[in-house]
């Protein structure tokens, strides 16, 4: 006789939540893989009940790529999708606030180490060299 126990409902396993989030975002496994920076096979493994599980950083990337709420994706609690912003709400941070690539990231890190006078000098220099391109 089989023991009677709780069965996993749809969305209660991490693999199911990843698949649900991907489908809600209308992404293929290959598209999600490209956004997260892994192979499509990795996404297939994550969505398999007996497959590998993504680490915390990958879960963050999956949540960002699919628009899922991280807490829901990681542990299955709360809302699955982020709430839509209302017309009068502004985002807390815009994407232009972040470095777009590794070079920008390095420049920003080095800029922050400069003294206020060196920052001003560098800013003036950048104004001059970017004005020539216009």
N, C-alpha and C. Protein backbone atom coordinates (compact mmCIF):
# COMPACT_ATOMS: atom_id res chain seq x y z
N UNK A 1 0.84 -1.17 0.00
CA UNK A 1 0.00 0.00 0.00
C UNK A 1 0.89 1.24 0.00
N UNK A 2 0.54 2.21 -0.83
CA UNK A 2 1.30 3.45 -0.91
C UNK A 2 0.98 4.34 0.27
N UNK A 3 2.00 5.00 0.83
CA UNK A 3 1.70 5.93 1.90
C UNK A 3 0.96 7.15 1.36
N UNK A 4 0.03 7.63 2.15
CA UNK A 4 -0.73 8.80 1.74
C UNK A 4 0.03 10.03 2.19
N UNK A 5 0.28 10.93 1.27
CA UNK A 5 1.02 12.14 1.62
C UNK A 5 0.59 13.28 0.72
N UNK A 6 1.18 14.40 0.99
CA UNK A 6 0.86 15.57 0.17
C UNK A 6 1.54 15.42 -1.18
N UNK A 7 0.84 15.79 -2.21
CA UNK A 7 1.43 15.79 -3.54
C UNK A 7 1.79 17.20 -3.90
N UNK A 8 2.78 17.32 -4.73
CA UNK A 8 3.21 18.64 -5.17
C UNK A 8 2.20 19.16 -6.18
N UNK A 9 1.68 20.35 -5.92
CA UNK A 9 0.76 20.95 -6.88
C UNK A 9 1.55 21.75 -7.89
N UNK A 10 0.93 22.07 -9.00
CA UNK A 10 1.60 22.83 -10.04
C UNK A 10 2.09 24.14 -9.47
N UNK A 11 3.36 24.42 -9.69
CA UNK A 11 3.93 25.65 -9.20
C UNK A 11 4.58 25.53 -7.83
N UNK A 12 4.48 24.35 -7.21
CA UNK A 12 5.07 24.21 -5.89
C UNK A 12 6.54 23.79 -5.96
N UNK A 13 6.97 23.27 -7.10
CA UNK A 13 8.37 22.92 -7.28
C UNK A 13 9.08 24.03 -8.04
N UNK A 14 10.35 24.22 -7.75
CA UNK A 14 11.13 25.25 -8.43
C UNK A 14 11.09 25.05 -9.94
N UNK A 15 11.22 23.82 -10.40
CA UNK A 15 11.20 23.54 -11.83
C UNK A 15 9.89 24.04 -12.47
N UNK A 16 8.78 23.82 -11.78
CA UNK A 16 7.48 24.27 -12.28
C UNK A 16 7.40 25.80 -12.31
N UNK A 17 7.92 26.43 -11.26
CA UNK A 17 7.85 27.91 -11.20
C UNK A 17 8.70 28.54 -12.29
N UNK A 18 9.85 27.95 -12.57
CA UNK A 18 10.68 28.49 -13.66
C UNK A 18 9.95 28.37 -14.98
N UNK A 19 9.34 27.21 -15.23
CA UNK A 19 8.59 27.00 -16.48
C UNK A 19 7.41 27.95 -16.57
N UNK A 20 6.68 28.12 -15.46
CA UNK A 20 5.52 29.02 -15.44
C UNK A 20 5.96 30.45 -15.73
N UNK A 21 7.05 30.88 -15.09
CA UNK A 21 7.55 32.24 -15.31
C UNK A 21 7.98 32.43 -16.75
N UNK A 22 8.64 31.45 -17.31
CA UNK A 22 9.09 31.54 -18.71
C UNK A 22 7.91 31.61 -19.67
N UNK A 23 6.92 30.78 -19.44
CA UNK A 23 5.73 30.81 -20.29
C UNK A 23 4.99 32.14 -20.16
N UNK A 24 4.86 32.65 -18.94
CA UNK A 24 4.17 33.93 -18.73
C UNK A 24 4.89 35.06 -19.45
N UNK A 25 6.21 34.96 -19.56
CA UNK A 25 7.00 35.98 -20.25
C UNK A 25 7.05 35.73 -21.75
N UNK A 26 6.42 34.62 -22.19
CA UNK A 26 6.38 34.25 -23.60
C UNK A 26 7.80 34.07 -24.16
N UNK A 27 8.62 33.36 -23.41
CA UNK A 27 9.99 33.09 -23.82
C UNK A 27 10.19 31.61 -24.08
N UNK A 28 10.97 31.29 -25.08
CA UNK A 28 11.37 29.90 -25.29
C UNK A 28 12.51 29.60 -24.32
N UNK A 29 12.85 28.33 -24.21
CA UNK A 29 13.99 27.99 -23.36
C UNK A 29 15.26 28.65 -23.88
N UNK A 30 15.40 28.70 -25.20
CA UNK A 30 16.59 29.31 -25.80
C UNK A 30 16.64 30.82 -25.52
N UNK A 31 15.48 31.47 -25.59
CA UNK A 31 15.43 32.91 -25.34
C UNK A 31 15.75 33.22 -23.88
N UNK A 32 15.20 32.44 -22.96
CA UNK A 32 15.52 32.64 -21.55
C UNK A 32 17.00 32.38 -21.30
N UNK A 33 17.52 31.33 -21.90
CA UNK A 33 18.95 31.02 -21.75
C UNK A 33 19.82 32.18 -22.20
N UNK A 34 19.47 32.78 -23.34
CA UNK A 34 20.25 33.91 -23.85
C UNK A 34 20.20 35.10 -22.90
N UNK A 35 19.04 35.36 -22.32
CA UNK A 35 18.90 36.49 -21.40
C UNK A 35 19.63 36.25 -20.08
N UNK A 36 19.71 35.00 -19.66
CA UNK A 36 20.33 34.67 -18.38
C UNK A 36 21.83 34.39 -18.55
N UNK A 37 22.24 34.08 -19.78
CA UNK A 37 23.65 33.81 -20.05
C UNK A 37 24.06 32.37 -19.83
N UNK A 38 23.15 31.45 -20.16
CA UNK A 38 23.45 30.02 -20.04
C UNK A 38 23.04 29.34 -21.34
N UNK A 39 23.23 28.04 -21.40
CA UNK A 39 22.81 27.28 -22.58
C UNK A 39 21.34 26.90 -22.45
N UNK A 40 20.66 26.64 -23.58
CA UNK A 40 19.28 26.16 -23.49
C UNK A 40 19.18 24.85 -22.70
N UNK A 41 20.22 24.04 -22.74
CA UNK A 41 20.22 22.80 -21.96
C UNK A 41 20.14 23.05 -20.47
N UNK A 42 20.75 24.15 -20.01
CA UNK A 42 20.69 24.49 -18.59
C UNK A 42 19.26 24.81 -18.19
N UNK A 43 18.56 25.56 -19.05
CA UNK A 43 17.16 25.90 -18.76
C UNK A 43 16.32 24.63 -18.74
N UNK A 44 16.57 23.73 -19.68
CA UNK A 44 15.83 22.46 -19.71
C UNK A 44 16.08 21.67 -18.42
N UNK A 45 17.31 21.68 -17.93
CA UNK A 45 17.62 21.00 -16.67
C UNK A 45 16.87 21.63 -15.51
N UNK A 46 16.84 22.97 -15.45
CA UNK A 46 16.14 23.66 -14.36
C UNK A 46 14.66 23.33 -14.36
N UNK A 47 14.08 23.14 -15.56
CA UNK A 47 12.65 22.89 -15.66
C UNK A 47 12.30 21.42 -15.48
N UNK A 48 13.29 20.57 -15.40
CA UNK A 48 13.06 19.15 -15.20
C UNK A 48 12.94 18.87 -13.71
N UNK A 49 11.92 18.11 -13.29
CA UNK A 49 11.75 17.81 -11.86
C UNK A 49 12.98 17.18 -11.22
N UNK A 50 13.73 16.40 -11.98
CA UNK A 50 14.91 15.73 -11.44
C UNK A 50 16.20 16.40 -11.91
N UNK A 51 16.07 17.59 -12.50
CA UNK A 51 17.24 18.27 -13.05
C UNK A 51 17.99 19.09 -12.01
N UNK A 52 18.97 19.81 -12.50
CA UNK A 52 19.77 20.67 -11.63
C UNK A 52 18.95 21.90 -11.23
N UNK A 53 19.40 22.55 -10.19
CA UNK A 53 18.72 23.76 -9.71
C UNK A 53 19.66 24.94 -9.90
N UNK A 54 19.13 26.08 -10.35
CA UNK A 54 19.99 27.25 -10.52
C UNK A 54 20.38 27.83 -9.17
N UNK A 55 21.53 28.48 -9.14
CA UNK A 55 21.97 29.16 -7.93
C UNK A 55 21.20 30.46 -7.74
N UNK A 56 21.45 31.12 -6.65
CA UNK A 56 20.73 32.35 -6.28
C UNK A 56 20.90 33.43 -7.35
N UNK A 57 22.13 33.62 -7.85
CA UNK A 57 22.35 34.65 -8.87
C UNK A 57 21.58 34.34 -10.13
N UNK A 58 21.56 33.09 -10.52
CA UNK A 58 20.80 32.71 -11.72
C UNK A 58 19.30 32.92 -11.49
N UNK A 59 18.82 32.61 -10.28
CA UNK A 59 17.41 32.85 -9.97
C UNK A 59 17.07 34.33 -10.10
N UNK A 60 17.97 35.19 -9.63
CA UNK A 60 17.76 36.63 -9.78
C UNK A 60 17.66 37.00 -11.25
N UNK A 61 18.56 36.43 -12.07
CA UNK A 61 18.54 36.71 -13.51
C UNK A 61 17.27 36.19 -14.17
N UNK A 62 16.82 35.01 -13.74
CA UNK A 62 15.58 34.44 -14.28
C UNK A 62 14.40 35.34 -13.92
N UNK A 63 14.34 35.78 -12.67
CA UNK A 63 13.25 36.66 -12.24
C UNK A 63 13.25 37.95 -13.05
N UNK A 64 14.41 38.53 -13.25
CA UNK A 64 14.51 39.76 -14.04
C UNK A 64 14.08 39.53 -15.48
N UNK A 65 14.57 38.45 -16.08
CA UNK A 65 14.27 38.16 -17.49
C UNK A 65 12.80 37.85 -17.73
N UNK A 66 12.14 37.27 -16.74
CA UNK A 66 10.74 36.85 -16.94
C UNK A 66 9.73 37.80 -16.32
N UNK A 67 10.19 38.74 -15.50
CA UNK A 67 9.27 39.65 -14.81
C UNK A 67 8.61 39.00 -13.61
N UNK A 68 9.16 37.88 -13.17
CA UNK A 68 8.61 37.19 -11.99
C UNK A 68 9.15 37.83 -10.72
N UNK A 69 8.41 37.68 -9.65
CA UNK A 69 8.86 38.15 -8.35
C UNK A 69 9.86 37.13 -7.81
N UNK A 70 11.03 37.61 -7.37
CA UNK A 70 12.09 36.71 -6.92
C UNK A 70 11.61 35.78 -5.81
N UNK A 71 10.92 36.30 -4.80
CA UNK A 71 10.47 35.46 -3.68
C UNK A 71 9.59 34.32 -4.17
N UNK A 72 8.67 34.62 -5.07
CA UNK A 72 7.80 33.58 -5.60
C UNK A 72 8.62 32.54 -6.35
N UNK A 73 9.54 33.02 -7.17
CA UNK A 73 10.34 32.10 -7.97
C UNK A 73 11.20 31.21 -7.06
N UNK A 74 11.80 31.79 -6.05
CA UNK A 74 12.72 31.04 -5.19
C UNK A 74 12.01 30.10 -4.23
N UNK A 75 10.93 30.57 -3.58
CA UNK A 75 10.30 29.75 -2.53
C UNK A 75 8.82 29.47 -2.75
N UNK A 76 8.23 30.09 -3.76
CA UNK A 76 6.83 29.80 -4.09
C UNK A 76 5.81 30.58 -3.29
N UNK A 77 6.23 31.63 -2.59
CA UNK A 77 5.28 32.42 -1.81
C UNK A 77 5.10 33.80 -2.40
N UNK A 78 3.91 34.34 -2.26
CA UNK A 78 3.64 35.69 -2.75
C UNK A 78 3.15 35.69 -4.18
N UNK A 79 3.14 36.89 -4.77
CA UNK A 79 2.68 37.06 -6.15
C UNK A 79 3.73 36.54 -7.12
N UNK A 80 3.25 35.90 -8.19
CA UNK A 80 4.17 35.39 -9.19
C UNK A 80 4.72 36.51 -10.08
N UNK A 81 3.89 37.48 -10.38
CA UNK A 81 4.29 38.55 -11.31
C UNK A 81 4.37 39.87 -10.57
N UNK A 82 5.26 40.71 -11.07
CA UNK A 82 5.35 42.06 -10.53
C UNK A 82 4.08 42.81 -10.89
N UNK A 83 3.67 43.67 -10.00
CA UNK A 83 2.48 44.46 -10.28
C UNK A 83 2.81 45.52 -11.32
N UNK A 84 1.85 45.80 -12.16
CA UNK A 84 2.03 46.83 -13.19
C UNK A 84 2.14 48.20 -12.54
N UNK A 85 3.03 49.00 -13.08
CA UNK A 85 3.17 50.36 -12.57
C UNK A 85 1.97 51.19 -13.03
N UNK A 86 1.51 52.05 -12.17
CA UNK A 86 0.42 52.93 -12.55
C UNK A 86 0.97 54.11 -13.33
N UNK A 87 0.11 54.83 -13.99
CA UNK A 87 0.53 55.95 -14.84
C UNK A 87 1.27 57.02 -14.06
N UNK A 88 0.91 57.21 -12.79
CA UNK A 88 1.55 58.27 -12.02
C UNK A 88 2.75 57.80 -11.21
N UNK A 89 3.11 56.52 -11.31
CA UNK A 89 4.27 56.04 -10.57
C UNK A 89 5.51 56.08 -11.45
N UNK A 90 6.60 56.41 -10.86
CA UNK A 90 7.88 56.46 -11.57
C UNK A 90 8.75 55.32 -11.06
N UNK A 91 9.60 54.77 -11.91
CA UNK A 91 10.47 53.70 -11.44
C UNK A 91 11.46 54.24 -10.40
N UNK A 92 11.83 53.41 -9.47
CA UNK A 92 12.79 53.82 -8.43
C UNK A 92 14.15 54.11 -9.04
N UNK A 93 14.53 53.34 -10.05
CA UNK A 93 15.80 53.51 -10.73
C UNK A 93 15.59 53.25 -12.20
N UNK A 94 16.20 54.05 -13.05
CA UNK A 94 16.10 53.82 -14.49
C UNK A 94 17.27 52.98 -14.95
N UNK A 95 17.12 52.31 -16.07
CA UNK A 95 18.18 51.45 -16.58
C UNK A 95 19.42 52.25 -16.95
N UNK A 96 19.27 53.53 -17.27
CA UNK A 96 20.44 54.36 -17.58
C UNK A 96 21.32 54.58 -16.37
N UNK A 97 20.84 54.24 -15.18
CA UNK A 97 21.62 54.40 -13.95
C UNK A 97 22.68 53.31 -13.80
N UNK A 98 22.61 52.27 -14.60
CA UNK A 98 23.52 51.14 -14.47
C UNK A 98 24.52 51.11 -15.62
N UNK A 99 25.68 50.55 -15.35
CA UNK A 99 26.67 50.36 -16.40
C UNK A 99 26.12 49.38 -17.42
N UNK A 100 26.35 49.67 -18.69
CA UNK A 100 25.81 48.82 -19.75
C UNK A 100 26.72 47.68 -20.14
N UNK A 101 28.01 47.82 -19.83
CA UNK A 101 28.96 46.76 -20.14
C UNK A 101 30.11 46.82 -19.15
N UNK A 102 31.06 45.91 -19.30
CA UNK A 102 32.16 45.81 -18.36
C UNK A 102 33.02 47.07 -18.36
N UNK A 103 33.25 47.65 -19.53
CA UNK A 103 34.08 48.85 -19.62
C UNK A 103 33.46 49.99 -18.83
N UNK A 104 32.16 50.21 -18.99
CA UNK A 104 31.49 51.26 -18.22
C UNK A 104 31.56 50.99 -16.73
N UNK A 105 31.43 49.74 -16.37
CA UNK A 105 31.49 49.37 -14.96
C UNK A 105 32.86 49.70 -14.36
N UNK A 106 33.92 49.36 -15.10
CA UNK A 106 35.28 49.65 -14.64
C UNK A 106 35.50 51.15 -14.55
N UNK A 107 35.04 51.89 -15.57
CA UNK A 107 35.21 53.35 -15.53
C UNK A 107 34.48 53.97 -14.34
N UNK A 108 33.27 53.53 -14.08
CA UNK A 108 32.52 54.06 -12.95
C UNK A 108 33.22 53.75 -11.63
N UNK A 109 33.71 52.53 -11.50
CA UNK A 109 34.42 52.15 -10.28
C UNK A 109 35.65 53.03 -10.07
N UNK A 110 36.41 53.25 -11.14
CA UNK A 110 37.61 54.08 -11.03
C UNK A 110 37.25 55.55 -10.80
N UNK A 111 36.18 56.02 -11.44
CA UNK A 111 35.74 57.41 -11.25
C UNK A 111 35.39 57.67 -9.79
N UNK A 112 34.75 56.71 -9.16
CA UNK A 112 34.35 56.87 -7.76
C UNK A 112 35.54 56.94 -6.81
N UNK A 113 36.68 56.43 -7.23
CA UNK A 113 37.88 56.49 -6.39
C UNK A 113 38.60 57.83 -6.50
N UNK A 114 38.23 58.65 -7.48
CA UNK A 114 38.90 59.93 -7.68
C UNK A 114 38.50 60.95 -6.63
N UNK A 115 39.40 61.91 -6.40
CA UNK A 115 39.08 63.03 -5.51
C UNK A 115 38.06 63.92 -6.22
N UNK A 116 37.36 64.78 -5.49
CA UNK A 116 36.40 65.68 -6.13
C UNK A 116 37.05 66.55 -7.22
N UNK A 117 38.26 67.02 -6.99
CA UNK A 117 38.95 67.85 -7.98
C UNK A 117 39.27 67.04 -9.25
N UNK A 118 39.72 65.80 -9.07
CA UNK A 118 40.03 64.95 -10.21
C UNK A 118 38.76 64.59 -10.98
N UNK A 119 37.67 64.40 -10.27
CA UNK A 119 36.38 64.12 -10.94
C UNK A 119 35.97 65.30 -11.82
N UNK A 120 36.11 66.49 -11.30
CA UNK A 120 35.74 67.70 -12.04
C UNK A 120 36.62 67.84 -13.28
N UNK A 121 37.91 67.61 -13.13
CA UNK A 121 38.84 67.70 -14.25
C UNK A 121 38.49 66.67 -15.33
N UNK A 122 38.25 65.43 -14.90
CA UNK A 122 37.89 64.38 -15.85
C UNK A 122 36.57 64.70 -16.55
N UNK A 123 35.61 65.21 -15.80
CA UNK A 123 34.32 65.58 -16.38
C UNK A 123 34.48 66.66 -17.43
N UNK A 124 35.30 67.66 -17.15
CA UNK A 124 35.56 68.73 -18.12
C UNK A 124 36.24 68.17 -19.36
N UNK A 125 37.20 67.29 -19.16
CA UNK A 125 37.89 66.66 -20.29
C UNK A 125 36.90 65.89 -21.17
N UNK A 126 36.01 65.12 -20.53
CA UNK A 126 35.01 64.36 -21.30
C UNK A 126 34.07 65.28 -22.06
N UNK A 127 33.71 66.39 -21.47
CA UNK A 127 32.88 67.38 -22.17
C UNK A 127 33.57 67.84 -23.45
N UNK A 128 34.86 68.11 -23.36
CA UNK A 128 35.63 68.60 -24.53
C UNK A 128 35.70 67.54 -25.60
N UNK A 129 36.07 66.32 -25.25
CA UNK A 129 36.25 65.30 -26.30
C UNK A 129 34.94 64.79 -26.87
N UNK A 130 33.87 64.83 -26.10
CA UNK A 130 32.57 64.41 -26.68
C UNK A 130 31.94 65.50 -27.51
N UNK A 131 32.27 66.75 -27.25
CA UNK A 131 31.72 67.87 -28.03
C UNK A 131 32.28 67.83 -29.46
N UNK A 132 33.48 67.32 -29.65
CA UNK A 132 34.09 67.25 -30.97
C UNK A 132 33.36 66.28 -31.89
N UNK A 133 32.73 65.28 -31.33
CA UNK A 133 32.03 64.26 -32.12
C UNK A 133 30.70 64.75 -32.67
N UNK A 134 30.17 65.78 -32.10
CA UNK A 134 28.84 66.25 -32.50
C UNK A 134 28.88 67.01 -33.75
